[in-house]
Each structure stands twice: as structure tokens, then as C-alpha cells.
Amino acid sequence: MFVDAYHDKKTEVVHVVERVDGRRVLKEYPARYVLYYPDGKGKFTDISGNRVTRVMVSNAAASDKERRIHNNKRLCESDYRPLNRCLEEQYGGQEAPNLHVAFFDIEVAYDKIKGFADPSDPFNNVTAITTYLGWLDRNITLVLKPDEMSAEQAADIVGKFDDTILCDNEKQMLEMWLDLIEDADVYSGWNSEGFDIPYLTNRITRILGKELTRKMCLWDQYPTKRYFEKYGKELETYDPIGRVHLTIYRDWE
């Protein structure tokens, strides 16, 4: 069963990631644009039992041309996206795979003058990232030492906790986190849509460079920026390509 899919409109290829027997498998399918138009001699029928003829082409330009040719007719499925069609045809009715899920949470610094940073402008550094890798049953924390603490003191404290790694700097920590989640299918965290994901994405861009945000996705893609509304306010977030992000919300009494 598939985890996620991406339609590359430049090459007209539908990329699909599967999880098979614990392994990540990448598949490619040619995009297919399909429409049906009324035709008394057609070989197919619509949901009302009327005869229709099918037109199938391999790119958006050809599909637009066919819609213009038949624009005076009642068309069927002309707005059905190639990506959805591919998933229906290739994976319809299949069981869901055992996904590799990563639950994560970040901590960020506080500036005495500016205060806390908004995820759209993450001027404060990330100080810790804890990630539970469900498929390994391991909870790993990457952490930076406080400025006022010596390296020896920090190492002594960290040494008391399993799977806790003291990083030399934020750059190293972010790089290590990207390596940790490499085999994840799903990211999830509390309010991660509104905070952790946009903060990390923008902070990685600032510290490591935008190119490194591709490691949050598959197929060498960048995370896709998206805006959503919460409590009447428009917020910025990002969606990974090739992986799924699920946020956890809880309305406190």
C-alpha cells in the first residue's frame, strides 16, 4: 500500500512511495489524463447508462486541447487528477501498510529583548529535539548545553539519560535530526502544524540552507508552504512531499 504520492507535471510522472515488508519502495507511473464525452457509438457507459467514448492522453496540454474540442458536450471525469486516478487504479482496496511513525517535539530559546520567535521568523535557536522512532521503539533527544553551563557539566547531566546526545552546536543538531527521520513515513507532534514543522523548516533554511529542507521530503522536493486558519488567525506551515504530517491538537478546558 502507498504512503504518499507526487505528480511531477514537468515529466508527467506520478511518483509513489510504498512501505513493503518494512522497506521503502519507490514506484513510477506515467500520468494519464482521461475524459469521456457522449457518443451513441461509444464503448463505455456513464453512471446513467448513456454511451460515451473515452479519450486518454499523457499530458496536460493535450488534455486541455481535448476539452476545448468537446467543450459543447457534457464531459465525464475531465477534472479527475492523474495522481488520484493512479492511486485508485494501482492501490484501490489494498490494506494500509505498517508505517514508520516519528513523534517529535522541539524546544527553542527565549530572547530577553525580543521574546519568543514566531515560526515564520525563527530568530531564536532550537535548543532540543526529542523524537520517538516508533519502528525502532527508541526515544532520542538531541540537545544543546545552556550558555551559562560548562561543557563538562552538560556532558555529566546528559550521560545520566539513555539515547540523549549532547550536540556541539545547532547546525550539528539539525543535521543529526534530518538523518534520524530519514526512514520515517509520518511526522507527528502536538501542534506541530502550527509550530514545530514551520519553525524547523524555516530554521533549517536559515542555518543549513534551503537545499537541506529537501531531506524532509522524498524525490528531491522542497516542503510545500501552506496557510491555514486557527482561532481566526492565518498561520504558515509546510507539508512534506513523500511523507505524511499529522498534527495533534487538544483543546484545554
Protein backbone atom coordinates (compact mmCIF):
# COMPACT_ATOMS: atom_id res chain seq x y z
CA MET A 1 0.00 0.00 0.00
CA PHE A 2 1.20 3.54 -0.70
CA VAL A 3 2.36 6.10 1.84
CA ASP A 4 2.31 9.24 -0.29
CA ALA A 5 2.46 10.26 -3.94
CA TYR A 6 3.65 13.18 -6.03
CA HIS A 7 2.75 14.17 -9.59
CA ASP A 8 5.71 15.73 -11.40
CA LYS A 9 3.94 17.86 -14.00
CA LYS A 10 7.17 18.61 -15.88
CA THR A 11 7.87 14.96 -16.67
CA GLU A 12 4.23 13.78 -16.34
CA VAL A 13 5.28 11.02 -13.96
CA VAL A 14 3.39 10.01 -10.82
CA HIS A 15 5.86 9.04 -8.09
CA VAL A 16 4.54 6.78 -5.33
CA VAL A 17 6.27 5.65 -2.14
CA GLU A 18 5.26 2.31 -0.66
CA ARG A 19 6.18 0.50 2.55
CA VAL A 20 6.58 -3.20 1.76
CA ASP A 21 7.75 -5.70 4.41
CA GLY A 22 9.36 -2.88 6.32
CA ARG A 23 11.21 -1.49 3.30
CA ARG A 24 10.62 1.78 1.50
CA VAL A 25 9.87 1.20 -2.18
CA LEU A 26 9.64 3.98 -4.78
CA LYS A 27 7.46 3.45 -7.85
CA GLU A 28 6.85 5.49 -11.00
CA TYR A 29 3.74 5.53 -13.19
CA PRO A 30 3.04 7.55 -16.34
CA ALA A 31 0.41 10.24 -15.77
CA ARG A 32 -2.86 9.59 -17.60
CA TYR A 33 -5.41 12.30 -18.40
CA VAL A 34 -8.79 10.81 -19.19
CA LEU A 35 -12.15 12.21 -20.20
CA TYR A 36 -15.36 10.76 -21.61
CA TYR A 37 -17.77 12.51 -23.99
CA PRO A 38 -21.30 11.48 -25.10
CA ASP A 39 -21.27 9.24 -28.15
CA GLY A 40 -24.08 6.92 -29.19
CA LYS A 41 -21.48 4.51 -30.60
CA GLY A 42 -19.18 4.71 -27.57
CA LYS A 43 -17.78 1.56 -25.95
CA PHE A 44 -18.33 2.82 -22.39
CA THR A 45 -21.30 3.97 -20.34
CA ASP A 46 -21.63 6.71 -17.75
CA ILE A 47 -23.37 6.30 -14.36
CA SER A 48 -26.69 6.99 -16.06
CA GLY A 49 -26.17 4.27 -18.63
CA ASN A 50 -25.51 6.62 -21.55
CA ARG A 51 -22.94 5.66 -24.17
CA VAL A 52 -19.65 7.59 -24.03
CA THR A 53 -16.27 7.50 -25.73
CA ARG A 54 -13.04 7.65 -23.77
CA VAL A 55 -10.14 9.94 -24.63
CA MET A 56 -6.82 9.23 -22.89
CA VAL A 57 -3.72 11.42 -23.29
CA SER A 58 -0.42 11.72 -21.46
CA ASN A 59 -0.01 15.42 -20.69
CA ALA A 60 -1.95 18.47 -19.54
CA ALA A 61 -1.64 20.35 -22.83
CA ALA A 62 -3.20 17.51 -24.80
CA SER A 63 -5.92 17.18 -22.17
CA ASP A 64 -6.76 20.89 -22.43
CA LYS A 65 -6.95 20.56 -26.21
CA GLU A 66 -9.40 17.65 -25.95
CA ARG A 67 -11.58 19.61 -23.52
CA ARG A 68 -11.72 22.52 -25.97
CA ILE A 69 -12.64 20.20 -28.80
CA HIS A 70 -15.52 18.73 -26.81
CA ASN A 71 -16.46 21.86 -24.82
CA ASN A 72 -20.01 21.83 -26.18
CA LYS A 73 -20.65 18.40 -24.65
CA ARG A 74 -21.25 17.12 -21.14
CA LEU A 75 -17.88 15.62 -20.21
CA CYS A 76 -17.22 12.95 -17.59
CA GLU A 77 -14.10 12.73 -15.38
CA SER A 78 -12.33 15.57 -17.21
CA ASP A 79 -11.46 17.13 -13.82
CA TYR A 80 -10.16 13.88 -12.27
CA ARG A 81 -6.50 14.44 -11.42
CA PRO A 82 -3.92 11.97 -12.81
CA LEU A 83 -2.49 11.46 -9.32
CA ASN A 84 -5.88 10.41 -7.89
CA ARG A 85 -6.55 8.19 -10.89
CA CYS A 86 -3.21 6.45 -10.48
CA LEU A 87 -3.77 5.77 -6.78
CA GLU A 88 -7.28 4.45 -7.42
CA GLU A 89 -6.17 2.13 -10.19
CA GLN A 90 -2.98 0.88 -8.57
CA TYR A 91 -3.90 0.79 -4.88
CA GLY A 92 -7.67 0.71 -4.58
CA GLY A 93 -8.88 -1.75 -1.94
CA GLN A 94 -5.42 -2.56 -0.58
CA GLU A 95 -4.60 -2.82 3.11
CA ALA A 96 -2.72 0.05 4.77
CA PRO A 97 0.99 -0.64 5.39
CA ASN A 98 2.77 -0.66 8.74
CA LEU A 99 4.02 2.91 8.71
CA HIS A 100 7.22 4.23 10.24
CA VAL A 101 5.96 6.98 12.53
CA ALA A 102 8.15 9.62 14.17
CA PHE A 103 6.67 11.67 17.04
CA PHE A 104 8.75 14.76 17.75
CA ASP A 105 8.86 17.90 19.87
CA ILE A 106 11.22 20.84 19.85
CA GLU A 107 12.37 23.37 22.43
CA VAL A 108 13.55 26.83 21.41
CA ALA A 109 15.49 29.61 23.10
CA TYR A 110 14.00 32.77 24.58
CA ASP A 111 15.39 36.22 23.79
CA LYS A 112 15.27 38.63 26.74
CA ILE A 113 14.55 41.55 24.42
CA LYS A 114 12.59 40.06 21.53
CA GLY A 115 10.89 37.27 23.47
CA PHE A 116 9.81 34.04 21.77
CA ALA A 117 10.14 33.78 17.99
CA ASP A 118 7.28 33.22 15.60
CA PRO A 119 7.76 30.13 13.35
CA SER A 120 7.68 32.38 10.27
CA ASP A 121 10.72 34.28 11.66
CA PRO A 122 12.63 31.82 13.87
CA PHE A 123 15.34 34.15 15.17
CA ASN A 124 15.86 32.02 18.30
CA ASN A 125 17.86 28.83 18.02
CA VAL A 126 16.42 25.34 18.54
CA THR A 127 17.83 24.02 21.83
CA ALA A 128 16.49 20.45 21.87
CA ILE A 129 14.62 17.97 19.69
CA THR A 130 13.13 14.78 21.08
CA THR A 131 11.98 12.19 18.55
CA TYR A 132 10.30 8.85 19.18
CA LEU A 133 11.06 6.47 16.31
CA GLY A 134 8.15 4.04 16.52
CA TRP A 135 9.60 1.39 14.21
CA LEU A 136 12.73 1.20 16.40
CA ASP A 137 10.95 1.81 19.73
CA ARG A 138 13.56 4.41 20.62
CA ASN A 139 13.13 7.89 22.07
CA ILE A 140 16.12 10.01 21.09
CA THR A 141 16.85 13.50 22.38
CA LEU A 142 19.31 15.87 20.75
CA VAL A 143 20.22 18.78 22.99
CA LEU A 144 22.44 21.85 23.28
CA LYS A 145 24.00 22.97 26.54
CA PRO A 146 22.78 26.23 28.10
CA ASP A 147 25.17 29.15 27.53
CA GLU A 148 25.86 29.51 31.26
CA MET A 149 26.75 25.83 31.70
CA SER A 150 30.17 24.32 31.05
CA ALA A 151 30.62 21.53 28.55
CA GLU A 152 31.71 19.22 31.38
CA GLN A 153 28.58 19.93 33.43
CA ALA A 154 26.34 19.38 30.42
CA ALA A 155 28.05 16.12 29.48
CA ASP A 156 27.68 14.86 33.08
CA ILE A 157 23.93 15.55 33.06
CA VAL A 158 23.33 14.11 29.59
CA GLY A 159 25.29 10.98 30.49
CA LYS A 160 22.60 10.04 33.01
CA PHE A 161 19.95 9.59 30.31
CA ASP A 162 19.78 6.89 27.64
CA ASP A 163 19.57 7.95 23.98
CA THR A 164 20.34 11.57 24.83
CA ILE A 165 23.00 13.23 22.69
CA LEU A 166 24.78 16.49 23.56
CA CYS A 167 25.44 18.33 20.30
CA ASP A 168 28.30 20.76 19.76
CA ASN A 169 26.10 23.35 18.06
CA GLU A 170 22.69 23.87 16.46
CA LYS A 171 23.96 23.10 12.96
CA GLN A 172 25.11 19.65 14.08
CA MET A 173 21.83 19.03 15.90
CA LEU A 174 19.67 19.90 12.89
CA GLU A 175 21.80 17.74 10.60
CA MET A 176 21.54 14.82 13.03
CA TRP A 177 17.76 15.22 13.25
CA LEU A 178 17.41 15.11 9.46
CA ASP A 179 19.39 11.86 9.49
CA LEU A 180 17.23 10.44 12.30
CA ILE A 181 13.98 10.91 10.39
CA GLU A 182 15.31 9.65 7.04
CA ASP A 183 13.28 6.42 7.21
CA ALA A 184 10.11 7.97 8.64
CA ASP A 185 6.82 7.81 6.74
CA VAL A 186 4.87 10.02 9.12
CA TYR A 187 5.84 13.01 11.27
CA SER A 188 3.57 13.88 14.18
CA GLY A 189 3.63 16.16 17.20
CA TRP A 190 1.48 18.32 19.44
CA ASN A 191 0.54 21.48 17.50
CA SER A 192 3.34 20.58 15.09
CA GLU A 193 1.39 22.00 12.14
CA GLY A 194 1.31 25.42 13.78
CA PHE A 195 4.73 25.45 15.43
CA ASP A 196 7.29 22.62 15.20
CA ILE A 197 7.12 21.95 11.45
CA PRO A 198 7.21 25.60 10.28
CA TYR A 199 9.79 26.53 12.93
CA LEU A 200 12.11 23.66 11.98
CA THR A 201 11.65 24.18 8.23
CA ASN A 202 12.42 27.89 8.43
CA ARG A 203 15.21 27.39 10.96
CA ILE A 204 16.87 24.70 8.80
CA THR A 205 16.65 27.11 5.86
CA ARG A 206 18.33 29.80 7.96
CA ILE A 207 21.08 27.64 9.49
CA LEU A 208 21.75 24.92 6.90
CA GLY A 209 20.32 26.47 3.74
CA LYS A 210 17.10 25.83 1.84
CA GLU A 211 18.57 22.88 -0.07
CA LEU A 212 18.75 20.84 3.14
CA THR A 213 14.98 21.13 3.66
CA ARG A 214 14.71 18.65 0.78
CA LYS A 215 15.75 15.98 3.31
CA MET A 216 12.35 16.42 4.95
CA CYS A 217 10.82 15.14 1.70
CA LEU A 218 11.39 12.50 -0.97
CA TRP A 219 12.15 12.86 -4.68
CA ASP A 220 14.40 15.86 -4.02
CA GLN A 221 11.40 18.11 -3.39
CA TYR A 222 11.06 21.10 -1.08
CA PRO A 223 8.38 21.16 1.63
CA THR A 224 5.29 22.95 0.28
CA LYS A 225 4.30 26.14 2.09
CA ARG A 226 0.64 26.31 3.07
CA TYR A 227 -1.52 28.69 5.09
CA PHE A 228 -4.31 27.63 7.42
CA GLU A 229 -6.62 29.37 9.87
CA LYS A 230 -6.67 28.71 13.60
CA TYR A 231 -8.62 30.74 16.15
CA GLY A 232 -9.30 33.34 13.47
CA LYS A 233 -5.61 33.83 12.62
CA GLU A 234 -3.85 32.82 9.41
CA LEU A 235 -0.78 30.70 10.13
CA GLU A 236 2.07 29.43 7.97
CA THR A 237 3.06 25.77 7.79
CA TYR A 238 4.72 23.30 5.43
CA ASP A 239 3.71 19.93 4.02
CA PRO A 240 6.40 17.32 3.29
CA ILE A 241 6.37 15.58 -0.09
CA GLY A 242 6.65 11.80 0.09
CA ARG A 243 5.88 11.74 3.79
CA VAL A 244 2.74 12.50 5.78
CA HIS A 245 2.47 15.06 8.55
CA LEU A 246 -0.26 14.66 11.18
CA THR A 247 -0.62 17.20 13.97
CA ILE A 248 -2.11 16.55 17.39
CA TYR A 249 -4.39 19.19 18.83
CA ARG A 250 -6.03 19.30 22.24
CA ASP A 251 -8.49 21.91 23.41
CA TRP A 252 -7.69 22.60 27.04
CA GLU A 253 -10.61 23.26 29.38
